Amino acid sequence: LGLLAGAEGRSRETPLTDLLGLRLGVRVDQPGSLLRD
């Protein structure tokens, strides 16, 4: 949702109430590996 809000140009203070009702499903295509910085 943060990615989508940034794409729309929303400021951090702008409410995301219209996005909260979205349902999200995620498929792992390539899990990657953990990196510690």
PDB file of all heavy atoms in Angstrom:
ATOM      1  N   LEU A   1       0.837  -1.208   0.000  1.00  0.00           N
ATOM      2  CA  LEU A   1       0.000   0.000   0.000  1.00  0.00           C
ATOM      3  C   LEU A   1       0.869   1.255   0.000  1.00  0.00           C
ATOM      4  O   LEU A   1       0.533   2.256  -0.637  1.00  0.00           O
ATOM      5  CB  LEU A   1      -0.954   0.011   1.187  1.00  0.00           C
ATOM      6  CG  LEU A   1      -2.033  -1.081   1.213  1.00  0.00           C
ATOM      7  CD1 LEU A   1      -2.990  -0.868   2.374  1.00  0.00           C
ATOM      8  CD2 LEU A   1      -2.783  -1.172  -0.104  1.00  0.00           C
ATOM      9  N   GLY A   2       1.999   1.219   0.701  1.00  0.00           N
ATOM     10  CA  GLY A   2       2.934   2.344   0.673  1.00  0.00           C
ATOM     11  C   GLY A   2       3.502   2.578  -0.712  1.00  0.00           C
ATOM     12  O   GLY A   2       3.617   3.722  -1.164  1.00  0.00           O
ATOM     13  N   LEU A   3       3.820   1.509  -1.412  1.00  0.00           N
ATOM     14  CA  LEU A   3       4.300   1.617  -2.793  1.00  0.00           C
ATOM     15  C   LEU A   3       3.235   2.273  -3.674  1.00  0.00           C
ATOM     16  O   LEU A   3       3.525   3.183  -4.458  1.00  0.00           O
ATOM     17  CB  LEU A   3       4.659   0.227  -3.324  1.00  0.00           C
ATOM     18  CG  LEU A   3       5.145   0.134  -4.758  1.00  0.00           C
ATOM     19  CD1 LEU A   3       6.226  -0.934  -4.862  1.00  0.00           C
ATOM     20  CD2 LEU A   3       4.029  -0.206  -5.713  1.00  0.00           C
ATOM     21  N   LEU A   4       1.991   1.828  -3.528  1.00  0.00           N
ATOM     22  CA  LEU A   4       0.899   2.382  -4.332  1.00  0.00           C
ATOM     23  C   LEU A   4       0.629   3.844  -3.988  1.00  0.00           C
ATOM     24  O   LEU A   4       0.388   4.665  -4.873  1.00  0.00           O
ATOM     25  CB  LEU A   4      -0.369   1.545  -4.144  1.00  0.00           C
ATOM     26  CG  LEU A   4      -0.280   0.099  -4.636  1.00  0.00           C
ATOM     27  CD1 LEU A   4      -1.502  -0.694  -4.198  1.00  0.00           C
ATOM     28  CD2 LEU A   4      -0.087   0.033  -6.139  1.00  0.00           C
ATOM     29  N   ALA A   5       0.678   4.173  -2.698  1.00  0.00           N
ATOM     30  CA  ALA A   5       0.461   5.564  -2.281  1.00  0.00           C
ATOM     31  C   ALA A   5       1.559   6.460  -2.833  1.00  0.00           C
ATOM     32  O   ALA A   5       1.294   7.576  -3.286  1.00  0.00           O
ATOM     33  CB  ALA A   5       0.407   5.652  -0.759  1.00  0.00           C
ATOM     34  N   GLY A   6       2.797   5.992  -2.817  1.00  0.00           N
ATOM     35  CA  GLY A   6       3.902   6.757  -3.390  1.00  0.00           C
ATOM     36  C   GLY A   6       3.745   6.928  -4.893  1.00  0.00           C
ATOM     37  O   GLY A   6       4.025   7.993  -5.447  1.00  0.00           O
ATOM     38  N   ALA A   7       3.286   5.885  -5.567  1.00  0.00           N
ATOM     39  CA  ALA A   7       3.062   5.976  -7.011  1.00  0.00           C
ATOM     40  C   ALA A   7       2.015   7.042  -7.329  1.00  0.00           C
ATOM     41  O   ALA A   7       2.133   7.768  -8.317  1.00  0.00           O
ATOM     42  CB  ALA A   7       2.621   4.620  -7.559  1.00  0.00           C
ATOM     43  N   GLU A   8       0.998   7.146  -6.465  1.00  0.00           N
ATOM     44  CA  GLU A   8      -0.039   8.161  -6.663  1.00  0.00           C
ATOM     45  C   GLU A   8       0.412   9.552  -6.230  1.00  0.00           C
ATOM     46  O   GLU A   8      -0.273  10.526  -6.509  1.00  0.00           O
ATOM     47  CB  GLU A   8      -1.298   7.805  -5.869  1.00  0.00           C
ATOM     48  CG  GLU A   8      -2.084   6.660  -6.454  1.00  0.00           C
ATOM     49  CD  GLU A   8      -3.404   6.475  -5.737  1.00  0.00           C
ATOM     50  OE1 GLU A   8      -3.435   6.471  -4.495  1.00  0.00           O
ATOM     51  OE2 GLU A   8      -4.426   6.348  -6.444  1.00  0.00           O
ATOM     52  N   GLY A   9       1.535   9.636  -5.503  1.00  0.00           N
ATOM     53  CA  GLY A   9       2.027  10.929  -5.047  1.00  0.00           C
ATOM     54  C   GLY A   9       1.439  11.385  -3.737  1.00  0.00           C
ATOM     55  O   GLY A   9       1.473  12.562  -3.402  1.00  0.00           O
ATOM     56  N   ARG A  10       0.909  10.468  -2.952  1.00  0.00           N
ATOM     57  CA  ARG A  10       0.327  10.833  -1.662  1.00  0.00           C
ATOM     58  C   ARG A  10       1.434  11.179  -0.669  1.00  0.00           C
ATOM     59  O   ARG A  10       2.476  10.534  -0.638  1.00  0.00           O
ATOM     60  CB  ARG A  10      -0.490   9.680  -1.089  1.00  0.00           C
ATOM     61  CG  ARG A  10      -1.690   9.322  -1.930  1.00  0.00           C
ATOM     62  CD  ARG A  10      -2.513   8.269  -1.232  1.00  0.00           C
ATOM     63  NE  ARG A  10      -3.532   7.724  -2.115  1.00  0.00           N
ATOM     64  CZ  ARG A  10      -4.616   7.100  -1.682  1.00  0.00           C
ATOM     65  NH1 ARG A  10      -4.815   6.935  -0.385  1.00  0.00           N
ATOM     66  NH2 ARG A  10      -5.495   6.634  -2.535  1.00  0.00           N
ATOM     67  N   SER A  11       1.163  12.158   0.162  1.00  0.00           N
ATOM     68  CA  SER A  11       2.109  12.497   1.232  1.00  0.00           C
ATOM     69  C   SER A  11       1.944  11.483   2.358  1.00  0.00           C
ATOM     70  O   SER A  11       0.950  10.760   2.419  1.00  0.00           O
ATOM     71  CB  SER A  11       1.850  13.912   1.744  1.00  0.00           C
ATOM     72  OG  SER A  11       0.642  13.947   2.475  1.00  0.00           O
ATOM     73  N   ARG A  12       2.887  11.466   3.270  1.00  0.00           N
ATOM     74  CA  ARG A  12       2.817  10.528   4.395  1.00  0.00           C
ATOM     75  C   ARG A  12       1.628  10.822   5.299  1.00  0.00           C
ATOM     76  O   ARG A  12       1.174   9.945   6.023  1.00  0.00           O
ATOM     77  CB  ARG A  12       4.101  10.578   5.204  1.00  0.00           C
ATOM     78  CG  ARG A  12       5.276  10.005   4.463  1.00  0.00           C
ATOM     79  CD  ARG A  12       6.528  10.065   5.324  1.00  0.00           C
ATOM     80  NE  ARG A  12       7.669   9.561   4.604  1.00  0.00           N
ATOM     81  CZ  ARG A  12       8.124   8.325   4.699  1.00  0.00           C
ATOM     82  NH1 ARG A  12       7.528   7.468   5.481  1.00  0.00           N
ATOM     83  NH2 ARG A  12       9.182   7.952   4.008  1.00  0.00           N
ATOM     84  N   GLU A  13       1.129  12.054   5.279  1.00  0.00           N
ATOM     85  CA  GLU A  13       0.009  12.425   6.142  1.00  0.00           C
ATOM     86  C   GLU A  13      -1.345  12.101   5.517  1.00  0.00           C
ATOM     87  O   GLU A  13      -2.365  12.145   6.193  1.00  0.00           O
ATOM     88  CB  GLU A  13       0.064  13.934   6.457  1.00  0.00           C
ATOM     89  CG  GLU A  13       1.266  14.352   7.280  1.00  0.00           C
ATOM     90  CD  GLU A  13       2.552  14.459   6.462  1.00  0.00           C
ATOM     91  OE1 GLU A  13       2.484  14.767   5.249  1.00  0.00           O
ATOM     92  OE2 GLU A  13       3.628  14.206   7.020  1.00  0.00           O
ATOM     93  N   THR A  14      -1.386  11.806   4.229  1.00  0.00           N
ATOM     94  CA  THR A  14      -2.644  11.525   3.542  1.00  0.00           C
ATOM     95  C   THR A  14      -3.202  10.180   3.996  1.00  0.00           C
ATOM     96  O   THR A  14      -2.497   9.175   3.964  1.00  0.00           O
ATOM     97  CB  THR A  14      -2.438  11.502   2.013  1.00  0.00           C
ATOM     98  OG1 THR A  14      -1.841  12.726   1.612  1.00  0.00           O
ATOM     99  CG2 THR A  14      -3.746  11.300   1.287  1.00  0.00           C
ATOM    100  N   PRO A  15      -4.455  10.137   4.411  1.00  0.00           N
ATOM    101  CA  PRO A  15      -5.048   8.860   4.847  1.00  0.00           C
ATOM    102  C   PRO A  15      -5.101   7.849   3.695  1.00  0.00           C
ATOM    103  O   PRO A  15      -5.255   8.223   2.527  1.00  0.00           O
ATOM    104  CB  PRO A  15      -6.459   9.235   5.293  1.00  0.00           C
ATOM    105  CG  PRO A  15      -6.524  10.713   5.334  1.00  0.00           C
ATOM    106  CD  PRO A  15      -5.382  11.252   4.536  1.00  0.00           C
ATOM    107  N   LEU A  16      -5.015   6.585   4.052  1.00  0.00           N
ATOM    108  CA  LEU A  16      -5.063   5.504   3.058  1.00  0.00           C
ATOM    109  C   LEU A  16      -6.362   4.711   3.165  1.00  0.00           C
ATOM    110  O   LEU A  16      -6.411   3.557   2.761  1.00  0.00           O
ATOM    111  CB  LEU A  16      -3.877   4.555   3.269  1.00  0.00           C
ATOM    112  CG  LEU A  16      -2.490   5.158   3.177  1.00  0.00           C
ATOM    113  CD1 LEU A  16      -1.434   4.105   3.464  1.00  0.00           C
ATOM    114  CD2 LEU A  16      -2.267   5.781   1.826  1.00  0.00           C
ATOM    115  N   THR A  17      -7.395   5.321   3.707  1.00  0.00           N
ATOM    116  CA  THR A  17      -8.630   4.585   3.985  1.00  0.00           C
ATOM    117  C   THR A  17      -9.213   3.922   2.740  1.00  0.00           C
ATOM    118  O   THR A  17      -9.771   2.837   2.832  1.00  0.00           O
ATOM    119  CB  THR A  17      -9.684   5.503   4.629  1.00  0.00           C
ATOM    120  OG1 THR A  17      -9.810   6.690   3.840  1.00  0.00           O
ATOM    121  CG2 THR A  17      -9.282   5.885   6.037  1.00  0.00           C
ATOM    122  N   ASP A  18      -9.061   4.548   1.570  1.00  0.00           N
ATOM    123  CA  ASP A  18      -9.608   3.945   0.357  1.00  0.00           C
ATOM    124  C   ASP A  18      -8.820   2.712  -0.076  1.00  0.00           C
ATOM    125  O   ASP A  18      -9.339   1.869  -0.796  1.00  0.00           O
ATOM    126  CB  ASP A  18      -9.660   4.969  -0.782  1.00  0.00           C
ATOM    127  CG  ASP A  18      -8.292   5.537  -1.123  1.00  0.00           C
ATOM    128  OD1 ASP A  18      -7.456   5.706  -0.206  1.00  0.00           O
ATOM    129  OD2 ASP A  18      -8.043   5.823  -2.309  1.00  0.00           O
ATOM    130  N   LEU A  19      -7.575   2.570   0.384  1.00  0.00           N
ATOM    131  CA  LEU A  19      -6.755   1.418   0.016  1.00  0.00           C
ATOM    132  C   LEU A  19      -6.862   0.274   1.017  1.00  0.00           C
ATOM    133  O   LEU A  19      -6.520  -0.864   0.695  1.00  0.00           O
ATOM    134  CB  LEU A  19      -5.282   1.833  -0.109  1.00  0.00           C
ATOM    135  CG  LEU A  19      -4.948   2.926  -1.127  1.00  0.00           C
ATOM    136  CD1 LEU A  19      -3.461   3.218  -1.111  1.00  0.00           C
ATOM    137  CD2 LEU A  19      -5.412   2.539  -2.515  1.00  0.00           C
ATOM    138  N   LEU A  20      -7.312   0.566   2.224  1.00  0.00           N
ATOM    139  CA  LEU A  20      -7.318  -0.449   3.277  1.00  0.00           C
ATOM    140  C   LEU A  20      -8.232  -1.628   2.971  1.00  0.00           C
ATOM    141  O   LEU A  20      -7.997  -2.732   3.450  1.00  0.00           O
ATOM    142  CB  LEU A  20      -7.698   0.177   4.619  1.00  0.00           C
ATOM    143  CG  LEU A  20      -6.692   1.180   5.173  1.00  0.00           C
ATOM    144  CD1 LEU A  20      -7.203   1.784   6.478  1.00  0.00           C
ATOM    145  CD2 LEU A  20      -5.337   0.548   5.361  1.00  0.00           C
ATOM    146  N   GLY A  21      -9.273  -1.419   2.188  1.00  0.00           N
ATOM    147  CA  GLY A  21     -10.201  -2.498   1.864  1.00  0.00           C
ATOM    148  C   GLY A  21      -9.700  -3.444   0.788  1.00  0.00           C
ATOM    149  O   GLY A  21     -10.323  -4.469   0.523  1.00  0.00           O
ATOM    150  N   LEU A  22      -8.573  -3.132   0.165  1.00  0.00           N
ATOM    151  CA  LEU A  22      -8.026  -4.021  -0.859  1.00  0.00           C
ATOM    152  C   LEU A  22      -7.575  -5.329  -0.220  1.00  0.00           C
ATOM    153  O   LEU A  22      -7.060  -5.340   0.893  1.00  0.00           O
ATOM    154  CB  LEU A  22      -6.838  -3.366  -1.568  1.00  0.00           C
ATOM    155  CG  LEU A  22      -7.141  -2.126  -2.400  1.00  0.00           C
ATOM    156  CD1 LEU A  22      -5.849  -1.506  -2.921  1.00  0.00           C
ATOM    157  CD2 LEU A  22      -8.077  -2.459  -3.551  1.00  0.00           C
ATOM    158  N   ARG A  23      -7.765  -6.425  -0.936  1.00  0.00           N
ATOM    159  CA  ARG A  23      -7.286  -7.734  -0.483  1.00  0.00           C
ATOM    160  C   ARG A  23      -5.980  -8.005  -1.208  1.00  0.00           C
ATOM    161  O   ARG A  23      -5.860  -7.718  -2.400  1.00  0.00           O
ATOM    162  CB  ARG A  23      -8.303  -8.819  -0.817  1.00  0.00           C
ATOM    163  CG  ARG A  23      -9.671  -8.626  -0.195  1.00  0.00           C
ATOM    164  CD  ARG A  23      -9.742  -9.082   1.219  1.00  0.00           C
ATOM    165  NE  ARG A  23      -9.137 -10.386   1.342  1.00  0.00           N
ATOM    166  CZ  ARG A  23      -9.655 -11.397   1.990  1.00  0.00           C
ATOM    167  NH1 ARG A  23     -10.799 -11.256   2.585  1.00  0.00           N
ATOM    168  NH2 ARG A  23      -9.031 -12.557   2.075  1.00  0.00           N
ATOM    169  N   LEU A  24      -5.005  -8.581  -0.510  1.00  0.00           N
ATOM    170  CA  LEU A  24      -3.692  -8.840  -1.091  1.00  0.00           C
ATOM    171  C   LEU A  24      -3.349 -10.308  -0.975  1.00  0.00           C
ATOM    172  O   LEU A  24      -3.498 -10.914   0.081  1.00  0.00           O
ATOM    173  CB  LEU A  24      -2.623  -8.009  -0.370  1.00  0.00           C
ATOM    174  CG  LEU A  24      -1.163  -8.297  -0.756  1.00  0.00           C
ATOM    175  CD1 LEU A  24      -0.875  -7.833  -2.176  1.00  0.00           C
ATOM    176  CD2 LEU A  24      -0.215  -7.623   0.223  1.00  0.00           C
ATOM    177  N   GLY A  25      -2.886 -10.867  -2.062  1.00  0.00           N
ATOM    178  CA  GLY A  25      -2.315 -12.213  -2.079  1.00  0.00           C
ATOM    179  C   GLY A  25      -0.932 -12.117  -2.679  1.00  0.00           C
ATOM    180  O   GLY A  25      -0.709 -11.356  -3.621  1.00  0.00           O
ATOM    181  N   VAL A  26       0.020 -12.850  -2.131  1.00  0.00           N
ATOM    182  CA  VAL A  26       1.397 -12.795  -2.602  1.00  0.00           C
ATOM    183  C   VAL A  26       1.873 -14.198  -2.942  1.00  0.00           C
ATOM    184  O   VAL A  26       1.693 -15.129  -2.153  1.00  0.00           O
ATOM    185  CB  VAL A  26       2.332 -12.184  -1.531  1.00  0.00           C
ATOM    186  CG1 VAL A  26       3.780 -12.237  -1.977  1.00  0.00           C
ATOM    187  CG2 VAL A  26       1.925 -10.753  -1.226  1.00  0.00           C
ATOM    188  N   ARG A  27       2.470 -14.346  -4.120  1.00  0.00           N
ATOM    189  CA  ARG A  27       3.103 -15.600  -4.523  1.00  0.00           C
ATOM    190  C   ARG A  27       4.612 -15.381  -4.526  1.00  0.00           C
ATOM    191  O   ARG A  27       5.101 -14.386  -5.063  1.00  0.00           O
ATOM    192  CB  ARG A  27       2.636 -16.015  -5.917  1.00  0.00           C
ATOM    193  CG  ARG A  27       3.204 -17.372  -6.352  1.00  0.00           C
ATOM    194  CD  ARG A  27       2.756 -17.753  -7.726  1.00  0.00           C
ATOM    195  NE  ARG A  27       3.421 -16.892  -8.699  1.00  0.00           N
ATOM    196  CZ  ARG A  27       3.008 -16.711  -9.945  1.00  0.00           C
ATOM    197  NH1 ARG A  27       1.905 -17.284 -10.363  1.00  0.00           N
ATOM    198  NH2 ARG A  27       3.677 -15.936 -10.766  1.00  0.00           N
ATOM    199  N   VAL A  28       5.339 -16.305  -3.934  1.00  0.00           N
ATOM    200  CA  VAL A  28       6.798 -16.239  -3.921  1.00  0.00           C
ATOM    201  C   VAL A  28       7.298 -16.941  -5.180  1.00  0.00           C
ATOM    202  O   VAL A  28       7.195 -18.153  -5.298  1.00  0.00           O
ATOM    203  CB  VAL A  28       7.378 -16.908  -2.655  1.00  0.00           C
ATOM    204  CG1 VAL A  28       8.897 -16.872  -2.671  1.00  0.00           C
ATOM    205  CG2 VAL A  28       6.836 -16.244  -1.405  1.00  0.00           C
ATOM    206  N   ASP A  29       7.822 -16.167  -6.120  1.00  0.00           N
ATOM    207  CA  ASP A  29       8.366 -16.748  -7.346  1.00  0.00           C
ATOM    208  C   ASP A  29       9.832 -17.122  -7.171  1.00  0.00           C
ATOM    209  O   ASP A  29      10.302 -18.099  -7.740  1.00  0.00           O
ATOM    210  CB  ASP A  29       8.221 -15.758  -8.510  1.00  0.00           C
ATOM    211  CG  ASP A  29       6.767 -15.449  -8.799  1.00  0.00           C
ATOM    212  OD1 ASP A  29       5.931 -16.373  -8.734  1.00  0.00           O
ATOM    213  OD2 ASP A  29       6.454 -14.281  -9.083  1.00  0.00           O
ATOM    214  N   GLN A  30      10.548 -16.319  -6.416  1.00  0.00           N
ATOM    215  CA  GLN A  30      11.960 -16.575  -6.112  1.00  0.00           C
ATOM    216  C   GLN A  30      12.208 -16.001  -4.715  1.00  0.00           C
ATOM    217  O   GLN A  30      12.147 -14.787  -4.541  1.00  0.00           O
ATOM    218  CB  GLN A  30      12.838 -15.883  -7.155  1.00  0.00           C
ATOM    219  CG  GLN A  30      14.312 -16.103  -6.986  1.00  0.00           C
ATOM    220  CD  GLN A  30      15.074 -15.480  -8.147  1.00  0.00           C
ATOM    221  OE1 GLN A  30      14.780 -15.766  -9.300  1.00  0.00           O
ATOM    222  NE2 GLN A  30      16.035 -14.634  -7.836  1.00  0.00           N
ATOM    223  N   PRO A  31      12.470 -16.842  -3.716  1.00  0.00           N
ATOM    224  CA  PRO A  31      12.534 -16.337  -2.342  1.00  0.00           C
ATOM    225  C   PRO A  31      13.715 -15.410  -2.064  1.00  0.00           C
ATOM    226  O   PRO A  31      13.657 -14.617  -1.134  1.00  0.00           O
ATOM    227  CB  PRO A  31      12.629 -17.606  -1.494  1.00  0.00           C
ATOM    228  CG  PRO A  31      13.115 -18.665  -2.413  1.00  0.00           C
ATOM    229  CD  PRO A  31      12.659 -18.279  -3.786  1.00  0.00           C
ATOM    230  N   GLY A  32      14.752 -15.481  -2.844  1.00  0.00           N
ATOM    231  CA  GLY A  32      15.917 -14.650  -2.576  1.00  0.00           C
ATOM    232  C   GLY A  32      16.655 -15.144  -1.346  1.00  0.00           C
ATOM    233  O   GLY A  32      16.342 -16.191  -0.780  1.00  0.00           O
ATOM    234  N   SER A  33      17.636 -14.385  -0.921  1.00  0.00           N
ATOM    235  CA  SER A  33      18.392 -14.749   0.276  1.00  0.00           C
ATOM    236  C   SER A  33      18.501 -13.528   1.185  1.00  0.00           C
ATOM    237  O   SER A  33      18.401 -12.390   0.737  1.00  0.00           O
ATOM    238  CB  SER A  33      19.783 -15.275  -0.102  1.00  0.00           C
ATOM    239  OG  SER A  33      20.489 -14.308  -0.856  1.00  0.00           O
ATOM    240  N   LEU A  34      18.721 -13.802   2.460  1.00  0.00           N
ATOM    241  CA  LEU A  34      18.778 -12.745   3.461  1.00  0.00           C
ATOM    242  C   LEU A  34      20.161 -12.096   3.450  1.00  0.00           C
ATOM    243  O   LEU A  34      21.176 -12.774   3.428  1.00  0.00           O
ATOM    244  CB  LEU A  34      18.477 -13.336   4.837  1.00  0.00           C
ATOM    245  CG  LEU A  34      18.224 -12.353   5.959  1.00  0.00           C
ATOM    246  CD1 LEU A  34      16.982 -11.509   5.681  1.00  0.00           C
ATOM    247  CD2 LEU A  34      18.057 -13.108   7.279  1.00  0.00           C
ATOM    248  N   LEU A  35      20.174 -10.779   3.479  1.00  0.00           N
ATOM    249  CA  LEU A  35      21.414 -10.006   3.515  1.00  0.00           C
ATOM    250  C   LEU A  35      21.395  -9.128   4.756  1.00  0.00           C
ATOM    251  O   LEU A  35      20.413  -8.436   5.016  1.00  0.00           O
ATOM    252  CB  LEU A  35      21.524  -9.117   2.267  1.00  0.00           C
ATOM    253  CG  LEU A  35      22.647  -8.084   2.269  1.00  0.00           C
ATOM    254  CD1 LEU A  35      23.993  -8.762   2.088  1.00  0.00           C
ATOM    255  CD2 LEU A  35      22.427  -7.066   1.167  1.00  0.00           C
ATOM    256  N   ARG A  36      22.480  -9.156   5.537  1.00  0.00           N
ATOM    257  CA  ARG A  36      22.610  -8.274   6.694  1.00  0.00           C
ATOM    258  C   ARG A  36      23.563  -7.159   6.320  1.00  0.00           C
ATOM    259  O   ARG A  36      24.678  -7.394   5.867  1.00  0.00           O
ATOM    260  CB  ARG A  36      23.156  -9.013   7.901  1.00  0.00           C
ATOM    261  CG  ARG A  36      23.309  -8.100   9.128  1.00  0.00           C
ATOM    262  CD  ARG A  36      23.826  -8.871  10.311  1.00  0.00           C
ATOM    263  NE  ARG A  36      25.202  -9.247  10.105  1.00  0.00           N
ATOM    264  CZ  ARG A  36      26.229  -8.769  10.825  1.00  0.00           C
ATOM    265  NH1 ARG A  36      26.013  -7.919  11.796  1.00  0.00           N
ATOM    266  NH2 ARG A  36      27.445  -9.172  10.585  1.00  0.00           N
ATOM    267  N   ASP A  37      23.098  -5.934   6.491  1.00  0.00           N
ATOM    268  CA  ASP A  37      23.903  -4.756   6.185  1.00  0.00           C
ATOM    269  C   ASP A  37      24.302  -4.106   7.497  1.00  0.00           C
ATOM    270  O   ASP A  37      23.447  -3.745   8.303  1.00  0.00           O
ATOM    271  CB  ASP A  37      23.103  -3.795   5.310  1.00  0.00           C
ATOM    272  CG  ASP A  37      23.956  -2.689   4.722  1.00  0.00           C
ATOM    273  OD1 ASP A  37      25.192  -2.776   4.785  1.00  0.00           O
ATOM    274  OD2 ASP A  37      23.368  -1.725   4.201  1.00  0.00           O
TER     275      ASP A  37
END
